[in-house]
Structure formats: C-alpha cells, structure tokens
Amino acid sequence: MKIKYLILHHSAISYNKNPDQLKAINAYHEKRWNSKGSLGYYIGYHYVINKVGKITRTRSRSDVGIHCRAQGMNYKSLGIMCEGNFDIELPTKKQEESLTKLLKELRIMYSNVKIAYHRNFYNTHCPGLKISDDWAKNLISNNKTMEYVEQGGEQYIRYTEPFNIAFNIGDPEEEAQLKKLGLPNVKPRIVTDMDKYEVYPLVSKPRMAKVIKELRDLTGF
C-alpha cells in the first residue's frame, strides 16, 4: 500500500458528552464493518487522538483503512481521527499538539505525502464545520521563527521548537554528519545562553537560506 495522503476526521461526538470514545468507536465499527485490524481493533482509522492528546494507534500502517472509500482512498491513505464534534466545538490544545507531532513524524516517514480532510473526497463536513481549510496546514506551517544569528563570532540558525536533529552536543558522530552536510571544520558545541532555542552551527551566512530550507523540508517546520 503506497501512502499518498493523511486524511483527517472527527468522531462527530462531542468530547464533553463522551471524553474517551475509543471503546464506543471500536464497538460501533465492529458492528458496522466487522473487520479486525492486525492490532486487534475494529476501528477503521489508523490513529485516534482523544481530548487530552493521547494518540492510540488502532491499525497498523500496513493495514488498509476503512475511513474514506471515495476515490479508493482507503488503499492510499492513513486515517487520523480526533475525538470531538468539530461542527460545534474546536479541537483541544492537547489534541492539536499531538496531531502536529504525529503529522510531522508521518511526513518524514512518507515523502511527498499530502494532508487532506475527509470532505476533500466525499460529500461530508468531516472533520467539522469549525475546521478551516487551512487548519492542518497552519499546524505544521513553516512560517515560524527560524533565523540566522551571529553570537560570539560564530554563526547559527536558531528556532523556537526543539528538534533532535539540532547539532548542539559535542558528539563525534554528529560532527561526522555535519561534514557530510558540507559543513567542514565545524565542531558541535553545547550552547547554554539561548533560552528556548535549539541551535545549528553554520560556516557562513551565504549558506543560511539553503540550510534553513533543508531543515524545513526535513522537519516540516
């Protein structure tokens, strides 16, 4: 199964009415579809995110989903559902944080994957009337603080969200990776005076734009 889309859904049941809907959804999908996935759930989505941001993987990524039959999307997508009725309420902050993390991870796993809504392929409001067309896009937007700075005679890219790829620890393996990226003679180092920032050492300012683009392409930042 070649994954081309990450398709977002809502449960259409208010999380205030039922704050943890996993069992109910599983029972409903068992009765409706009677198709158990390899992880033991009948749920047709691959991931379910509840009100407090807990992500439950309900189908293996290799399992064909049962969440968007239109245009054969079940065979080329992963289904992600957030519990809640987004016709009348918005996702919680915790749901948005978990969804953002999940989307970024999946975009790294599946190159060129597109993020879409159920309503993009079928006559439905899903994932809800209160969800704008650019909501998911804004969650993973590159339009965040990522800038070139000079400090102490050294050059850095700094950004407001921590990522493990930031080379700011004096590790020989990471130094080798820097050299592979075309950054010779640059040693990783620990930087303690940039609160809330991760840093990436650079050779010179002309490389800034290229490296920022590489980082954004890699992380979805």
N, C-alpha and C. Protein backbone atom coordinates (compact mmCIF):
# COMPACT_ATOMS: atom_id res chain seq x y z
N MET A 1 0.86 -1.20 0.00
CA MET A 1 0.00 0.00 0.00
C MET A 1 0.89 1.25 0.00
N LYS A 2 0.76 2.06 -1.04
CA LYS A 2 1.55 3.29 -1.15
C LYS A 2 0.76 4.44 -0.55
N ILE A 3 1.30 5.01 0.52
CA ILE A 3 0.60 6.08 1.23
C ILE A 3 0.85 7.42 0.54
N LYS A 4 -0.24 8.02 0.04
CA LYS A 4 -0.15 9.31 -0.62
C LYS A 4 -0.83 10.43 0.17
N TYR A 5 -1.73 10.04 1.09
CA TYR A 5 -2.49 11.05 1.84
C TYR A 5 -2.57 10.67 3.32
N LEU A 6 -2.62 11.69 4.16
CA LEU A 6 -3.00 11.58 5.56
C LEU A 6 -4.35 12.27 5.66
N ILE A 7 -5.41 11.50 5.92
CA ILE A 7 -6.76 12.04 5.87
C ILE A 7 -7.29 12.23 7.29
N LEU A 8 -7.74 13.45 7.59
CA LEU A 8 -8.17 13.82 8.94
C LEU A 8 -9.69 13.72 9.09
N HIS A 9 -10.12 13.25 10.25
CA HIS A 9 -11.53 13.05 10.56
C HIS A 9 -11.82 13.55 11.97
N HIS A 10 -13.12 13.70 12.27
CA HIS A 10 -13.55 13.87 13.66
C HIS A 10 -14.56 12.77 13.95
N SER A 11 -14.82 12.53 15.24
CA SER A 11 -15.76 11.47 15.59
C SER A 11 -17.21 11.92 15.45
N ALA A 12 -17.41 13.25 15.40
CA ALA A 12 -18.75 13.85 15.33
C ALA A 12 -19.54 13.63 16.61
N ILE A 13 -18.85 13.26 17.70
CA ILE A 13 -19.46 13.13 19.02
C ILE A 13 -18.68 14.06 19.96
N SER A 14 -19.37 14.94 20.65
CA SER A 14 -18.70 15.91 21.50
C SER A 14 -17.86 15.22 22.56
N TYR A 15 -16.64 15.70 22.75
CA TYR A 15 -15.81 15.13 23.81
C TYR A 15 -16.33 15.53 25.20
N ASN A 16 -17.20 16.52 25.27
CA ASN A 16 -17.84 16.85 26.54
C ASN A 16 -18.94 15.84 26.87
N LYS A 17 -19.52 15.23 25.85
CA LYS A 17 -20.54 14.20 26.06
C LYS A 17 -19.89 12.87 26.39
N ASN A 18 -18.76 12.59 25.73
CA ASN A 18 -18.02 11.35 25.99
C ASN A 18 -16.53 11.68 25.88
N PRO A 19 -15.83 11.86 27.00
CA PRO A 19 -14.44 12.33 26.98
C PRO A 19 -13.43 11.29 26.50
N ASP A 20 -13.82 10.01 26.44
CA ASP A 20 -12.91 8.97 25.95
C ASP A 20 -13.72 7.97 25.14
N GLN A 21 -13.68 8.12 23.84
CA GLN A 21 -14.62 7.45 22.96
C GLN A 21 -14.10 6.18 22.31
N LEU A 22 -12.88 5.79 22.65
CA LEU A 22 -12.22 4.69 21.95
C LEU A 22 -13.05 3.40 21.97
N LYS A 23 -13.52 2.99 23.13
CA LYS A 23 -14.27 1.73 23.24
C LYS A 23 -15.57 1.80 22.45
N ALA A 24 -16.24 2.95 22.53
CA ALA A 24 -17.51 3.11 21.82
C ALA A 24 -17.31 3.06 20.31
N ILE A 25 -16.27 3.72 19.84
CA ILE A 25 -15.98 3.72 18.40
C ILE A 25 -15.62 2.31 17.94
N ASN A 26 -14.82 1.61 18.74
CA ASN A 26 -14.42 0.25 18.38
C ASN A 26 -15.65 -0.66 18.28
N ALA A 27 -16.57 -0.54 19.23
CA ALA A 27 -17.78 -1.36 19.23
C ALA A 27 -18.65 -1.02 18.01
N TYR A 28 -18.75 0.26 17.70
CA TYR A 28 -19.56 0.69 16.56
C TYR A 28 -18.96 0.17 15.25
N HIS A 29 -17.64 0.28 15.11
CA HIS A 29 -17.00 -0.17 13.88
C HIS A 29 -17.02 -1.69 13.76
N GLU A 30 -16.97 -2.39 14.90
CA GLU A 30 -17.08 -3.85 14.85
C GLU A 30 -18.44 -4.26 14.30
N LYS A 31 -19.49 -3.59 14.78
CA LYS A 31 -20.84 -3.89 14.31
C LYS A 31 -21.03 -3.49 12.85
N ARG A 32 -20.40 -2.36 12.47
CA ARG A 32 -20.62 -1.85 11.11
C ARG A 32 -19.74 -2.53 10.08
N TRP A 33 -18.44 -2.70 10.41
CA TRP A 33 -17.51 -3.23 9.42
C TRP A 33 -17.12 -4.69 9.66
N ASN A 34 -17.08 -5.09 10.95
CA ASN A 34 -16.66 -6.44 11.33
C ASN A 34 -15.34 -6.81 10.66
N SER A 35 -14.38 -5.90 10.71
CA SER A 35 -13.07 -6.13 10.09
C SER A 35 -11.99 -5.75 11.10
N LYS A 36 -11.44 -6.77 11.77
CA LYS A 36 -10.44 -6.51 12.79
C LYS A 36 -9.08 -6.30 12.15
N GLY A 37 -8.41 -5.22 12.54
CA GLY A 37 -7.06 -4.96 12.03
C GLY A 37 -6.03 -5.80 12.77
N SER A 38 -4.81 -5.73 12.32
CA SER A 38 -3.75 -6.57 12.90
C SER A 38 -3.37 -6.15 14.31
N LEU A 39 -3.79 -4.96 14.76
CA LEU A 39 -3.51 -4.51 16.13
C LEU A 39 -4.63 -4.86 17.09
N GLY A 40 -5.66 -5.54 16.58
CA GLY A 40 -6.73 -6.01 17.47
C GLY A 40 -7.95 -5.13 17.55
N TYR A 41 -7.92 -3.96 16.92
CA TYR A 41 -9.07 -3.07 16.90
C TYR A 41 -9.89 -3.26 15.63
N TYR A 42 -11.18 -2.94 15.72
CA TYR A 42 -12.04 -2.91 14.54
C TYR A 42 -12.09 -1.51 13.93
N ILE A 43 -11.56 -0.55 14.66
CA ILE A 43 -11.62 0.86 14.23
C ILE A 43 -10.97 1.03 12.87
N GLY A 44 -11.66 1.74 11.99
CA GLY A 44 -11.18 1.90 10.62
C GLY A 44 -10.10 2.93 10.44
N TYR A 45 -9.90 3.80 11.45
CA TYR A 45 -8.83 4.79 11.40
C TYR A 45 -7.53 4.15 11.87
N HIS A 46 -6.42 4.70 11.42
CA HIS A 46 -5.12 4.19 11.86
C HIS A 46 -4.69 4.80 13.19
N TYR A 47 -5.15 6.02 13.46
CA TYR A 47 -4.82 6.71 14.71
C TYR A 47 -6.05 7.39 15.25
N VAL A 48 -6.19 7.38 16.58
CA VAL A 48 -7.25 8.11 17.25
C VAL A 48 -6.60 8.99 18.32
N ILE A 49 -6.99 10.26 18.36
CA ILE A 49 -6.45 11.20 19.34
C ILE A 49 -7.59 11.69 20.21
N ASN A 50 -7.48 11.45 21.53
CA ASN A 50 -8.59 11.83 22.41
C ASN A 50 -8.44 13.25 22.93
N LYS A 51 -9.33 13.64 23.80
CA LYS A 51 -9.43 15.02 24.28
C LYS A 51 -8.15 15.52 24.94
N VAL A 52 -7.45 14.63 25.65
CA VAL A 52 -6.24 15.04 26.37
C VAL A 52 -4.97 14.81 25.55
N GLY A 53 -5.14 14.49 24.26
CA GLY A 53 -4.00 14.38 23.37
C GLY A 53 -3.37 12.99 23.30
N LYS A 54 -3.98 11.99 23.93
CA LYS A 54 -3.44 10.63 23.84
C LYS A 54 -3.65 10.08 22.44
N ILE A 55 -2.56 9.62 21.83
CA ILE A 55 -2.63 9.02 20.50
C ILE A 55 -2.68 7.51 20.64
N THR A 56 -3.72 6.89 20.09
CA THR A 56 -3.82 5.44 20.07
C THR A 56 -3.71 4.96 18.63
N ARG A 57 -2.76 4.08 18.38
CA ARG A 57 -2.61 3.51 17.04
C ARG A 57 -3.54 2.31 16.96
N THR A 58 -4.56 2.41 16.15
CA THR A 58 -5.62 1.41 16.12
C THR A 58 -5.55 0.47 14.91
N ARG A 59 -4.76 0.82 13.93
CA ARG A 59 -4.50 -0.09 12.81
C ARG A 59 -3.03 0.04 12.45
N SER A 60 -2.44 -1.06 12.04
CA SER A 60 -1.07 -0.99 11.54
C SER A 60 -1.05 -0.14 10.28
N ARG A 61 0.06 0.54 10.04
CA ARG A 61 0.15 1.37 8.85
C ARG A 61 0.11 0.53 7.58
N SER A 62 0.35 -0.77 7.71
CA SER A 62 0.27 -1.66 6.54
C SER A 62 -1.15 -2.18 6.31
N ASP A 63 -2.04 -1.96 7.29
CA ASP A 63 -3.44 -2.37 7.14
C ASP A 63 -4.19 -1.36 6.28
N VAL A 64 -5.01 -1.85 5.38
CA VAL A 64 -5.90 -0.96 4.62
C VAL A 64 -6.93 -0.40 5.59
N GLY A 65 -7.11 0.90 5.58
CA GLY A 65 -8.08 1.53 6.47
C GLY A 65 -9.50 1.39 5.98
N ILE A 66 -10.43 1.75 6.85
CA ILE A 66 -11.85 1.81 6.48
C ILE A 66 -12.36 3.15 6.98
N HIS A 67 -12.01 4.19 6.24
CA HIS A 67 -12.35 5.54 6.71
C HIS A 67 -12.69 6.49 5.58
N CYS A 68 -12.33 6.15 4.34
CA CYS A 68 -12.61 7.03 3.20
C CYS A 68 -12.66 6.19 1.93
N ARG A 69 -13.83 5.63 1.66
CA ARG A 69 -13.98 4.75 0.50
C ARG A 69 -13.90 5.51 -0.82
N ALA A 70 -14.33 6.77 -0.80
CA ALA A 70 -14.40 7.56 -2.04
C ALA A 70 -13.05 7.59 -2.73
N GLN A 71 -13.09 7.42 -4.04
CA GLN A 71 -11.91 7.52 -4.91
C GLN A 71 -10.81 6.53 -4.50
N GLY A 72 -11.20 5.45 -3.84
CA GLY A 72 -10.23 4.43 -3.46
C GLY A 72 -9.22 4.88 -2.43
N MET A 73 -9.58 5.89 -1.64
CA MET A 73 -8.62 6.49 -0.71
C MET A 73 -8.19 5.54 0.41
N ASN A 74 -9.02 4.57 0.75
CA ASN A 74 -8.62 3.63 1.78
C ASN A 74 -7.32 2.91 1.43
N TYR A 75 -7.05 2.77 0.15
CA TYR A 75 -5.89 2.00 -0.30
C TYR A 75 -4.64 2.85 -0.50
N LYS A 76 -4.75 4.14 -0.28
CA LYS A 76 -3.58 5.00 -0.46
C LYS A 76 -3.51 6.10 0.59
N SER A 77 -4.03 5.80 1.79
CA SER A 77 -4.02 6.83 2.83
C SER A 77 -3.97 6.20 4.22
N LEU A 78 -3.61 7.03 5.19
CA LEU A 78 -3.76 6.71 6.59
C LEU A 78 -4.85 7.61 7.16
N GLY A 79 -5.72 7.05 7.97
CA GLY A 79 -6.80 7.82 8.57
C GLY A 79 -6.47 8.23 10.00
N ILE A 80 -6.62 9.52 10.30
CA ILE A 80 -6.35 10.04 11.63
C ILE A 80 -7.62 10.73 12.14
N MET A 81 -8.11 10.29 13.28
CA MET A 81 -9.36 10.83 13.80
C MET A 81 -9.14 11.48 15.16
N CYS A 82 -9.66 12.69 15.32
CA CYS A 82 -9.67 13.36 16.62
C CYS A 82 -11.07 13.25 17.21
N GLU A 83 -11.14 12.81 18.47
CA GLU A 83 -12.43 12.70 19.13
C GLU A 83 -13.01 14.10 19.36
N GLY A 84 -14.29 14.26 19.06
CA GLY A 84 -14.97 15.54 19.23
C GLY A 84 -15.88 15.82 18.06
N ASN A 85 -16.81 16.72 18.27
CA ASN A 85 -17.72 17.15 17.21
C ASN A 85 -17.32 18.55 16.79
N PHE A 86 -16.53 18.64 15.76
CA PHE A 86 -15.98 19.93 15.35
C PHE A 86 -16.92 20.72 14.45
N ASP A 87 -18.19 20.28 14.41
CA ASP A 87 -19.25 21.14 13.89
C ASP A 87 -19.64 22.16 14.96
N ILE A 88 -19.44 21.80 16.24
CA ILE A 88 -19.91 22.66 17.33
C ILE A 88 -18.81 23.07 18.31
N GLU A 89 -17.65 22.44 18.23
CA GLU A 89 -16.55 22.74 19.15
C GLU A 89 -15.23 22.61 18.39
N LEU A 90 -14.19 23.13 18.99
CA LEU A 90 -12.87 23.06 18.37
C LEU A 90 -12.03 21.97 19.04
N PRO A 91 -11.04 21.45 18.35
CA PRO A 91 -10.11 20.51 19.00
C PRO A 91 -9.46 21.18 20.21
N THR A 92 -9.13 20.39 21.20
CA THR A 92 -8.43 20.93 22.36
C THR A 92 -6.98 21.24 21.98
N LYS A 93 -6.34 22.05 22.81
CA LYS A 93 -4.94 22.38 22.57
C LYS A 93 -4.08 21.12 22.59
N LYS A 94 -4.38 20.19 23.51
CA LYS A 94 -3.62 18.95 23.60
C LYS A 94 -3.80 18.11 22.35
N GLN A 95 -5.00 18.09 21.80
CA GLN A 95 -5.23 17.36 20.55
C GLN A 95 -4.40 17.97 19.41
N GLU A 96 -4.40 19.29 19.34
CA GLU A 96 -3.64 19.96 18.29
C GLU A 96 -2.15 19.67 18.42
N GLU A 97 -1.65 19.69 19.65
CA GLU A 97 -0.22 19.43 19.86
C GLU A 97 0.13 18.01 19.43
N SER A 98 -0.70 17.04 19.81
CA SER A 98 -0.42 15.65 19.44
C SER A 98 -0.56 15.43 17.94
N LEU A 99 -1.58 16.04 17.35
CA LEU A 99 -1.77 15.90 15.91
C LEU A 99 -0.61 16.51 15.15
N THR A 100 -0.14 17.66 15.59
CA THR A 100 1.00 18.31 14.93
C THR A 100 2.22 17.39 14.96
N LYS A 101 2.51 16.83 16.12
CA LYS A 101 3.65 15.92 16.26
C LYS A 101 3.49 14.71 15.34
N LEU A 102 2.31 14.13 15.33
CA LEU A 102 2.07 12.94 14.51
C LEU A 102 2.20 13.26 13.03
N LEU A 103 1.63 14.37 12.59
CA LEU A 103 1.71 14.74 11.17
C LEU A 103 3.16 14.95 10.73
N LYS A 104 3.93 15.60 11.58
CA LYS A 104 5.34 15.84 11.24
C LYS A 104 6.12 14.53 11.14
N GLU A 105 5.85 13.62 12.06
CA GLU A 105 6.54 12.32 12.03
C GLU A 105 6.17 11.54 10.77
N LEU A 106 4.89 11.54 10.43
CA LEU A 106 4.44 10.78 9.26
C LEU A 106 4.92 11.40 7.96
N ARG A 107 5.05 12.72 7.93
CA ARG A 107 5.55 13.38 6.73
C ARG A 107 7.02 13.06 6.49
N ILE A 108 7.76 12.77 7.56
CA ILE A 108 9.14 12.35 7.40
C ILE A 108 9.19 10.89 6.91
N MET A 109 8.29 10.06 7.42
CA MET A 109 8.24 8.65 7.05
C MET A 109 7.80 8.44 5.60
N TYR A 110 6.85 9.27 5.16
CA TYR A 110 6.29 9.13 3.82
C TYR A 110 6.57 10.41 3.03
N SER A 111 7.54 10.36 2.18
CA SER A 111 7.92 11.56 1.42
C SER A 111 6.80 11.94 0.46
N ASN A 112 6.59 13.24 0.32
CA ASN A 112 5.60 13.82 -0.60
C ASN A 112 4.15 13.49 -0.23
N VAL A 113 3.93 12.99 0.99
CA VAL A 113 2.56 12.72 1.40
C VAL A 113 1.79 14.03 1.56
N LYS A 114 0.49 14.01 1.23
CA LYS A 114 -0.34 15.20 1.33
C LYS A 114 -1.32 15.05 2.49
N ILE A 115 -1.61 16.16 3.15
CA ILE A 115 -2.58 16.17 4.24
C ILE A 115 -3.91 16.65 3.69
N ALA A 116 -4.96 15.88 3.95
CA ALA A 116 -6.27 16.21 3.40
C ALA A 116 -7.34 15.94 4.45
N TYR A 117 -8.55 16.41 4.15
CA TYR A 117 -9.71 16.17 5.01
C TYR A 117 -10.63 15.16 4.33
N HIS A 118 -11.44 14.48 5.13
CA HIS A 118 -12.43 13.55 4.58
C HIS A 118 -13.31 14.26 3.56
N ARG A 119 -13.66 15.50 3.85
CA ARG A 119 -14.57 16.24 2.95
C ARG A 119 -13.94 16.58 1.60
N ASN A 120 -12.63 16.47 1.49
CA ASN A 120 -11.98 16.70 0.20
C ASN A 120 -12.33 15.63 -0.82
N PHE A 121 -12.82 14.48 -0.35
CA PHE A 121 -13.08 13.34 -1.24
C PHE A 121 -14.52 12.86 -1.21
N TYR A 122 -15.31 13.37 -0.26
CA TYR A 122 -16.66 12.84 -0.08
C TYR A 122 -17.57 13.97 0.39
N ASN A 123 -18.85 13.83 0.14
CA ASN A 123 -19.83 14.85 0.49
C ASN A 123 -20.15 14.79 1.98
N THR A 124 -19.28 15.40 2.77
CA THR A 124 -19.41 15.41 4.22
C THR A 124 -18.76 16.67 4.77
N HIS A 125 -19.13 17.06 6.00
CA HIS A 125 -18.47 18.19 6.66
C HIS A 125 -17.16 17.77 7.33
N CYS A 126 -16.96 16.49 7.51
CA CYS A 126 -15.84 15.94 8.27
C CYS A 126 -14.50 16.48 7.76
N PRO A 127 -13.66 16.98 8.64
CA PRO A 127 -13.64 16.88 10.10
C PRO A 127 -14.35 18.00 10.86
N GLY A 128 -15.40 18.59 10.27
CA GLY A 128 -16.19 19.54 11.03
C GLY A 128 -16.27 20.93 10.42
N LEU A 129 -17.40 21.57 10.62
CA LEU A 129 -17.64 22.90 10.08
C LEU A 129 -16.72 23.96 10.68
N LYS A 130 -16.27 23.74 11.91
CA LYS A 130 -15.40 24.72 12.56
C LYS A 130 -13.93 24.55 12.16
N ILE A 131 -13.64 23.53 11.39
CA ILE A 131 -12.27 23.30 10.95
C ILE A 131 -12.06 23.99 9.60
N SER A 132 -11.23 25.00 9.58
CA SER A 132 -10.98 25.76 8.35
C SER A 132 -10.15 24.93 7.39
N ASP A 133 -10.19 25.33 6.13
CA ASP A 133 -9.46 24.59 5.10
C ASP A 133 -7.96 24.61 5.33
N ASP A 134 -7.46 25.64 6.01
CA ASP A 134 -6.02 25.76 6.22
C ASP A 134 -5.60 25.41 7.66
N TRP A 135 -6.52 24.82 8.44
CA TRP A 135 -6.22 24.49 9.84
C TRP A 135 -5.03 23.56 9.97
N ALA A 136 -5.07 22.43 9.28
CA ALA A 136 -3.97 21.47 9.39
C ALA A 136 -2.68 22.05 8.83
N LYS A 137 -2.80 22.79 7.75
CA LYS A 137 -1.63 23.42 7.15
C LYS A 137 -0.96 24.37 8.14
N ASN A 138 -1.77 25.12 8.88
CA ASN A 138 -1.21 26.06 9.85
C ASN A 138 -0.54 25.33 11.03
N LEU A 139 -1.04 24.14 11.37
CA LEU A 139 -0.44 23.39 12.47
C LEU A 139 1.01 23.04 12.19
N ILE A 140 1.31 22.76 10.94
CA ILE A 140 2.68 22.34 10.59
C ILE A 140 3.39 23.40 9.75
N SER A 141 2.89 24.62 9.82
CA SER A 141 3.40 25.69 8.98
C SER A 141 4.90 25.93 9.20
N ASN A 142 5.58 26.25 8.11
CA ASN A 142 6.98 26.66 8.16
C ASN A 142 7.12 28.11 8.61
N ASN A 143 6.02 28.80 8.70
CA ASN A 143 6.07 30.23 8.98
C ASN A 143 6.23 30.47 10.48
N LYS A 144 7.35 30.02 11.02
CA LYS A 144 7.67 30.20 12.43
C LYS A 144 9.06 30.77 12.55
N THR A 145 9.45 31.07 13.76
CA THR A 145 10.75 31.70 13.95
C THR A 145 11.88 30.73 13.65
N MET A 146 12.60 30.99 12.59
CA MET A 146 13.82 30.28 12.26
C MET A 146 14.72 31.32 11.61
N GLU A 147 15.79 31.68 12.26
CA GLU A 147 16.56 32.82 11.80
C GLU A 147 18.05 32.58 11.94
N TYR A 148 18.79 33.35 11.17
CA TYR A 148 20.25 33.34 11.22
C TYR A 148 20.72 34.33 12.28
N VAL A 149 21.62 33.89 13.13
CA VAL A 149 22.17 34.79 14.14
C VAL A 149 23.67 34.60 14.24
N GLU A 150 24.35 35.64 14.66
CA GLU A 150 25.78 35.56 14.95
C GLU A 150 25.97 35.88 16.43
N GLN A 151 26.76 35.07 17.09
CA GLN A 151 26.99 35.29 18.52
C GLN A 151 28.40 34.79 18.86
N GLY A 152 29.15 35.65 19.49
CA GLY A 152 30.50 35.26 19.89
C GLY A 152 31.39 34.90 18.72
N GLY A 153 31.16 35.54 17.57
CA GLY A 153 31.97 35.25 16.41
C GLY A 153 31.60 33.97 15.69
N GLU A 154 30.51 33.32 16.11
CA GLU A 154 30.06 32.09 15.47
C GLU A 154 28.67 32.30 14.90
N GLN A 155 28.33 31.46 13.92
CA GLN A 155 27.07 31.61 13.21
C GLN A 155 26.13 30.44 13.54
N TYR A 156 24.85 30.78 13.64
CA TYR A 156 23.87 29.76 13.98
C TYR A 156 22.57 30.00 13.23
N ILE A 157 21.80 28.90 13.08
CA ILE A 157 20.37 29.03 12.85
C ILE A 157 19.72 28.68 14.17
N ARG A 158 18.78 29.48 14.62
CA ARG A 158 18.07 29.14 15.84
C ARG A 158 16.57 29.11 15.53
N TYR A 159 15.86 28.31 16.29
CA TYR A 159 14.43 28.21 16.05
C TYR A 159 13.71 27.89 17.34
N THR A 160 12.40 28.15 17.36
CA THR A 160 11.67 28.17 18.62
C THR A 160 11.16 26.81 19.06
N GLU A 161 11.24 25.80 18.21
CA GLU A 161 10.80 24.47 18.61
C GLU A 161 11.99 23.53 18.63
N PRO A 162 12.13 22.72 19.67
CA PRO A 162 13.27 21.81 19.73
C PRO A 162 13.12 20.63 18.78
N PHE A 163 14.15 20.29 18.08
CA PHE A 163 14.18 19.11 17.23
C PHE A 163 15.46 18.34 17.52
N ASN A 164 15.37 17.04 17.48
CA ASN A 164 16.53 16.21 17.80
C ASN A 164 17.67 16.37 16.81
N ILE A 165 17.37 16.89 15.61
CA ILE A 165 18.42 16.99 14.60
C ILE A 165 19.37 18.16 14.86
N ALA A 166 19.04 19.01 15.83
CA ALA A 166 19.94 20.15 16.09
C ALA A 166 21.28 19.64 16.61
N PHE A 167 22.36 20.02 15.94
CA PHE A 167 23.69 19.56 16.32
C PHE A 167 24.28 20.51 17.36
N ASN A 168 23.90 20.34 18.59
CA ASN A 168 24.40 21.23 19.64
C ASN A 168 25.05 20.45 20.78
N ILE A 169 25.45 19.22 20.51
CA ILE A 169 26.11 18.40 21.51
C ILE A 169 27.44 17.91 20.93
N GLY A 170 28.49 18.00 21.72
CA GLY A 170 29.81 17.62 21.23
C GLY A 170 29.96 16.12 21.08
N ASP A 171 29.45 15.57 20.00
CA ASP A 171 29.48 14.13 19.76
C ASP A 171 30.21 13.87 18.44
N PRO A 172 31.21 12.99 18.42
CA PRO A 172 31.97 12.73 17.18
C PRO A 172 31.09 12.26 16.02
N GLU A 173 30.06 11.49 16.33
CA GLU A 173 29.17 11.01 15.27
C GLU A 173 28.42 12.18 14.63
N GLU A 174 27.98 13.13 15.46
CA GLU A 174 27.28 14.28 14.92
C GLU A 174 28.24 15.18 14.13
N GLU A 175 29.47 15.25 14.57
CA GLU A 175 30.46 16.02 13.82
C GLU A 175 30.64 15.43 12.42
N ALA A 176 30.65 14.11 12.32
CA ALA A 176 30.76 13.45 11.02
C ALA A 176 29.55 13.78 10.15
N GLN A 177 28.37 13.84 10.76
CA GLN A 177 27.17 14.19 9.99
C GLN A 177 27.24 15.61 9.48
N LEU A 178 27.79 16.51 10.29
CA LEU A 178 27.96 17.89 9.85
C LEU A 178 28.84 17.95 8.60
N LYS A 179 29.91 17.19 8.60
CA LYS A 179 30.82 17.20 7.46
C LYS A 179 30.13 16.66 6.22
N LYS A 180 29.26 15.64 6.39
CA LYS A 180 28.52 15.10 5.25
C LYS A 180 27.57 16.14 4.67
N LEU A 181 27.09 17.04 5.53
CA LEU A 181 26.19 18.09 5.07
C LEU A 181 26.95 19.26 4.44
N GLY A 182 28.24 19.12 4.30
CA GLY A 182 29.03 20.19 3.70
C GLY A 182 29.42 21.26 4.68
N LEU A 183 29.54 20.92 5.93
CA LEU A 183 29.91 21.88 6.96
C LEU A 183 31.24 21.44 7.58
N PRO A 184 32.34 21.46 6.82
CA PRO A 184 33.62 21.01 7.35
C PRO A 184 34.18 21.97 8.39
N ASN A 185 35.00 21.43 9.25
CA ASN A 185 35.70 22.23 10.27
C ASN A 185 34.76 22.94 11.24
N VAL A 186 33.55 22.42 11.37
CA VAL A 186 32.61 22.99 12.34
C VAL A 186 32.36 21.93 13.40
N LYS A 187 32.71 22.24 14.61
CA LYS A 187 32.51 21.28 15.70
C LYS A 187 31.21 21.59 16.44
N PRO A 188 30.39 20.57 16.68
CA PRO A 188 29.19 20.80 17.50
C PRO A 188 29.60 21.27 18.89
N ARG A 189 28.74 22.02 19.52
CA ARG A 189 29.05 22.50 20.86
C ARG A 189 27.77 22.69 21.66
N ILE A 190 27.89 22.73 22.96
CA ILE A 190 26.75 22.99 23.82
C ILE A 190 26.60 24.50 23.97
N VAL A 191 25.42 25.01 23.73
CA VAL A 191 25.14 26.45 23.88
C VAL A 191 24.11 26.61 24.98
N THR A 192 24.42 27.38 25.98
CA THR A 192 23.54 27.48 27.15
C THR A 192 22.87 28.85 27.29
N ASP A 193 23.22 29.80 26.42
CA ASP A 193 22.72 31.16 26.62
C ASP A 193 21.65 31.55 25.61
N MET A 194 21.01 30.57 24.99
CA MET A 194 19.90 30.86 24.08
C MET A 194 18.67 30.14 24.61
N ASP A 195 18.06 30.68 25.61
CA ASP A 195 16.93 30.05 26.26
C ASP A 195 15.80 29.79 25.26
N LYS A 196 15.27 28.58 25.31
CA LYS A 196 14.15 28.14 24.48
C LYS A 196 14.53 27.99 23.01
N TYR A 197 15.81 27.99 22.70
CA TYR A 197 16.22 27.81 21.32
C TYR A 197 17.13 26.60 21.19
N GLU A 198 16.98 25.89 20.09
CA GLU A 198 17.98 24.92 19.67
C GLU A 198 18.84 25.64 18.64
N VAL A 199 20.08 25.19 18.46
CA VAL A 199 20.97 25.90 17.55
C VAL A 199 21.61 24.94 16.56
N TYR A 200 21.98 25.47 15.42
CA TYR A 200 22.61 24.70 14.37
C TYR A 200 23.79 25.51 13.86
N PRO A 201 25.01 25.05 14.04
CA PRO A 201 26.17 25.85 13.63
C PRO A 201 26.32 25.89 12.12
N LEU A 202 26.72 27.03 11.62
CA LEU A 202 26.91 27.25 10.18
C LEU A 202 28.33 27.68 9.89
N VAL A 203 28.73 27.53 8.64
CA VAL A 203 30.03 28.02 8.21
C VAL A 203 29.94 29.51 7.92
N SER A 204 28.96 29.92 7.15
CA SER A 204 28.87 31.32 6.75
C SER A 204 27.43 31.68 6.40
N LYS A 205 27.16 32.96 6.37
CA LYS A 205 25.81 33.43 6.11
C LYS A 205 25.27 33.03 4.74
N PRO A 206 26.09 32.97 3.68
CA PRO A 206 25.53 32.59 2.38
C PRO A 206 24.86 31.21 2.37
N ARG A 207 25.28 30.32 3.29
CA ARG A 207 24.65 29.00 3.33
C ARG A 207 23.34 29.00 4.12
N MET A 208 23.02 30.12 4.75
CA MET A 208 21.85 30.17 5.62
C MET A 208 20.58 29.70 4.93
N ALA A 209 20.24 30.30 3.80
CA ALA A 209 18.97 30.00 3.15
C ALA A 209 18.87 28.53 2.77
N LYS A 210 19.98 27.99 2.26
CA LYS A 210 19.96 26.59 1.83
C LYS A 210 19.76 25.65 3.00
N VAL A 211 20.48 25.90 4.11
CA VAL A 211 20.37 25.03 5.27
C VAL A 211 19.00 25.16 5.93
N ILE A 212 18.48 26.38 6.01
CA ILE A 212 17.13 26.56 6.56
C ILE A 212 16.12 25.77 5.73
N LYS A 213 16.25 25.83 4.40
CA LYS A 213 15.33 25.07 3.55
C LYS A 213 15.47 23.57 3.81
N GLU A 214 16.71 23.09 3.95
CA GLU A 214 16.92 21.67 4.21
C GLU A 214 16.27 21.26 5.53
N LEU A 215 16.43 22.10 6.56
CA LEU A 215 15.84 21.80 7.85
C LEU A 215 14.32 21.79 7.78
N ARG A 216 13.76 22.77 7.08
CA ARG A 216 12.30 22.84 6.98
C ARG A 216 11.75 21.67 6.18
N ASP A 217 12.42 21.29 5.12
CA ASP A 217 11.96 20.14 4.34
C ASP A 217 12.00 18.87 5.18
N LEU A 218 13.02 18.75 6.03
CA LEU A 218 13.19 17.55 6.86
C LEU A 218 12.18 17.50 8.00
N THR A 219 11.93 18.63 8.61
CA THR A 219 11.12 18.64 9.84
C THR A 219 9.68 19.08 9.63
N GLY A 220 9.37 19.67 8.47
CA GLY A 220 8.04 20.24 8.30
C GLY A 220 7.85 21.52 9.07
N PHE A 221 8.92 22.14 9.49
CA PHE A 221 8.87 23.35 10.31
C PHE A 221 8.41 24.53 9.50
